[in-house]
Amino acid sequence: MNARCRNATIVCGLLLSCSLLLAAGWTQLNPGIQGSVYTGVFFVHGNTQVGYACGSGFDTVSHMPKVEVIKTTDGGTSWTETGAHPQGGGLIAPVPSGIYFVDANNGYVVGGAFVWKTTDGGGSWTPDSLGGQLNSVQFPSNGSTGYIGTSRTYPDNAGLYKTTDGGATWSLKTYG
């Protein structure tokens, strides 16, 4: 299959997927931030109005990719950028792959080898480089004990990072 046919097939597949989602009751939202790709969304437990989404965009000042977090306080009707962008990862910002908020202020974003933590609803972010490819983050029962799933990246093995102190420290359990 030549490149032109392959591209046409991809476009048709995307259009069909969008049509099926819209027919199934999904509504496409435009958060109003141009050129961004969102890879994770999370609504705070017990609060259907406050939610966050993470993704990557393009910084028009530095002309470099950036990690982005946007927030809604009206159930997803409107979205705004948080006050600061998670930083770290060298010249090319990693694409974030997971987001989790313990409450409206305390949250985590993971991507590449980084986990970023906020304690002020996204106003500022603290990075921590753990290694490997971090994929998802969860705090299943409280704000202290949490887990980050990883993918196998040479020379690291796949595994789970665990914290019992709200992300201050992480320990890795690897699987061959």
Protein backbone atom coordinates (compact mmCIF):
# COMPACT_ATOMS: atom_id res chain seq x y z
CA MET A 1 0.00 0.00 0.00
CA ASN A 2 1.48 3.35 -0.96
CA ALA A 3 1.68 6.29 1.46
CA ARG A 4 -1.24 8.14 -0.13
CA CYS A 5 -3.58 5.14 0.23
CA ARG A 6 -2.38 4.52 3.79
CA ASN A 7 -3.04 8.16 4.75
CA ALA A 8 -6.50 8.06 3.16
CA THR A 9 -7.28 4.87 5.08
CA ILE A 10 -6.18 6.47 8.36
CA VAL A 11 -8.29 9.58 7.73
CA CYS A 12 -11.35 7.44 6.89
CA GLY A 13 -10.79 5.39 10.04
CA LEU A 14 -10.56 8.52 12.19
CA LEU A 15 -13.70 9.99 10.64
CA LEU A 16 -15.59 6.74 11.20
CA SER A 17 -14.38 6.58 14.83
CA CYS A 18 -15.49 10.17 15.45
CA SER A 19 -18.86 9.50 13.83
CA LEU A 20 -19.42 6.42 15.98
CA LEU A 21 -18.50 8.28 19.18
CA LEU A 22 -20.82 11.17 18.37
CA ALA A 23 -23.63 8.75 17.48
CA ALA A 24 -23.10 6.99 20.82
CA GLY A 25 -23.77 10.21 22.74
CA TRP A 26 -20.21 11.58 23.04
CA THR A 27 -19.67 15.31 22.59
CA GLN A 28 -16.36 16.73 21.42
CA LEU A 29 -15.14 19.55 23.66
CA ASN A 30 -12.67 22.21 22.66
CA PRO A 31 -10.84 23.48 25.73
CA GLY A 32 -9.71 26.47 23.66
CA ILE A 33 -5.99 25.69 23.77
CA GLN A 34 -4.71 25.37 20.23
CA GLY A 35 -2.22 22.70 19.18
CA SER A 36 -2.48 20.57 22.32
CA VAL A 37 -2.88 16.79 22.59
CA TYR A 38 -4.47 15.49 25.79
CA THR A 39 -3.51 12.02 26.99
CA GLY A 40 -5.13 11.77 30.42
CA VAL A 41 -8.16 13.11 32.27
CA PHE A 42 -9.19 12.78 35.90
CA PHE A 43 -12.13 14.12 37.93
CA VAL A 44 -11.65 14.46 41.67
CA HIS A 45 -13.45 11.70 43.59
CA GLY A 46 -16.76 12.88 44.99
CA ASN A 47 -16.68 16.10 42.96
CA THR A 48 -18.09 15.98 39.45
CA GLN A 49 -17.25 19.65 38.86
CA VAL A 50 -13.45 19.69 39.40
CA GLY A 51 -11.31 17.84 36.88
CA TYR A 52 -7.88 17.96 35.28
CA ALA A 53 -6.44 16.85 31.94
CA CYS A 54 -2.78 16.42 31.01
CA GLY A 55 -1.12 16.47 27.65
CA SER A 56 1.51 18.16 25.57
CA GLY A 57 1.51 21.39 23.66
CA PHE A 58 3.86 23.88 22.07
CA ASP A 59 5.31 26.85 23.91
CA THR A 60 5.00 29.82 21.55
CA VAL A 61 7.70 31.76 23.41
CA SER A 62 10.48 29.14 23.59
CA HIS A 63 9.27 27.26 20.48
CA MET A 64 9.68 23.99 22.40
CA PRO A 65 7.24 21.23 23.38
CA LYS A 66 5.77 21.54 26.87
CA VAL A 67 3.83 19.43 29.34
CA GLU A 68 0.37 20.91 29.87
CA VAL A 69 -2.27 20.56 32.57
CA ILE A 70 -5.71 22.13 32.22
CA LYS A 71 -8.47 22.36 34.82
CA THR A 72 -12.25 22.58 34.87
CA THR A 73 -14.38 23.74 37.80
CA ASP A 74 -17.73 23.46 36.01
CA GLY A 75 -17.91 19.78 35.11
CA GLY A 76 -15.98 20.09 31.84
CA THR A 77 -17.94 22.90 30.19
CA SER A 78 -14.88 25.16 30.21
CA TRP A 79 -11.17 24.46 30.73
CA THR A 80 -8.25 26.74 31.65
CA GLU A 81 -4.51 26.19 31.89
CA THR A 82 -3.17 25.77 35.41
CA GLY A 83 -0.82 28.51 36.58
CA ALA A 84 2.38 26.62 35.79
CA HIS A 85 3.52 23.87 33.47
CA PRO A 86 5.29 20.78 34.82
CA GLN A 87 8.93 21.15 33.81
CA GLY A 88 11.82 18.71 33.48
CA GLY A 89 12.86 16.10 31.01
CA GLY A 90 15.62 17.93 29.20
CA LEU A 91 15.23 19.74 25.90
CA ILE A 92 12.24 17.70 24.74
CA ALA A 93 9.38 17.56 27.22
CA PRO A 94 8.07 14.02 27.78
CA VAL A 95 4.50 13.34 26.74
CA PRO A 96 2.49 12.86 29.93
CA SER A 97 0.65 9.57 30.09
CA GLY A 98 -1.20 9.63 33.40
CA ILE A 99 -2.83 12.02 35.86
CA TYR A 100 -4.35 11.53 39.31
CA PHE A 101 -5.62 13.98 41.91
CA VAL A 102 -6.11 12.94 45.54
CA ASP A 103 -8.26 16.04 46.06
CA ALA A 104 -8.76 19.38 44.30
CA ASN A 105 -5.24 20.58 45.25
CA ASN A 106 -2.96 17.54 45.50
CA GLY A 107 -2.18 15.75 42.27
CA TYR A 108 0.36 13.90 40.16
CA VAL A 109 1.24 13.76 36.46
CA VAL A 110 3.54 11.06 35.01
CA GLY A 111 5.32 10.89 31.68
CA GLY A 112 8.69 9.73 30.41
CA ALA A 113 10.85 9.10 33.47
CA PHE A 114 9.18 11.87 35.48
CA VAL A 115 6.48 12.25 38.11
CA TRP A 116 5.37 15.79 38.90
CA LYS A 117 3.49 16.69 42.08
CA THR A 118 1.34 19.71 42.86
CA THR A 119 -0.07 20.75 46.23
CA ASP A 120 -1.80 23.90 45.00
CA GLY A 121 -4.14 22.70 42.26
CA GLY A 122 -1.54 23.00 39.50
CA GLY A 123 -0.21 26.43 40.42
CA SER A 124 3.27 24.91 40.79
CA TRP A 125 4.81 21.50 40.10
CA THR A 126 7.75 19.64 41.67
CA PRO A 127 9.48 17.10 39.38
CA ASP A 128 11.07 13.80 40.41
CA SER A 129 12.98 11.61 37.95
CA LEU A 130 12.35 7.94 38.73
CA GLY A 131 13.67 6.26 35.58
CA GLY A 132 12.00 3.95 33.11
CA GLN A 133 8.84 4.86 31.23
CA LEU A 134 6.15 5.94 33.68
CA ASN A 135 2.65 5.18 32.40
CA SER A 136 -0.05 5.58 35.03
CA VAL A 137 -0.47 6.77 38.62
CA GLN A 138 -3.07 5.81 41.24
CA PHE A 139 -3.70 6.46 44.94
CA PRO A 140 -6.41 3.86 45.63
CA SER A 141 -7.36 4.46 49.26
CA ASN A 142 -5.77 7.63 50.60
CA GLY A 143 -3.37 10.42 49.73
CA SER A 144 -0.36 8.63 51.22
CA THR A 145 -0.11 5.27 49.45
CA GLY A 146 0.16 5.35 45.69
CA TYR A 147 1.51 3.42 42.71
CA ILE A 148 3.08 4.24 39.34
CA GLY A 149 3.12 1.65 36.56
CA THR A 150 6.19 1.43 34.32
CA SER A 151 7.08 -0.08 30.96
CA ARG A 152 10.22 -2.01 30.20
CA THR A 153 12.96 0.30 28.92
CA TYR A 154 16.54 -0.85 28.55
CA PRO A 155 18.26 -1.39 30.98
CA ASP A 156 15.26 -1.09 33.31
CA ASN A 157 12.66 -3.79 33.85
CA ALA A 158 8.94 -3.21 34.00
CA GLY A 159 7.56 -2.79 37.47
CA LEU A 160 5.63 -0.71 39.96
CA TYR A 161 6.80 2.22 42.01
CA LYS A 162 5.14 2.53 45.41
CA THR A 163 4.98 5.43 47.86
CA THR A 164 3.63 5.37 51.39
CA ASP A 165 4.45 9.01 52.16
CA GLY A 166 2.45 10.94 49.57
CA GLY A 167 5.11 10.85 46.88
CA ALA A 168 8.07 12.09 48.97
CA THR A 169 9.86 8.79 48.23
CA TRP A 170 9.19 5.95 45.78
CA SER A 171 10.44 2.34 45.84
CA LEU A 172 10.54 0.11 42.75
CA LYS A 173 9.46 -3.52 42.56
CA THR A 174 10.61 -4.94 39.19
CA TYR A 175 9.43 -7.95 37.26
CA GLY A 176 11.87 -9.78 34.93
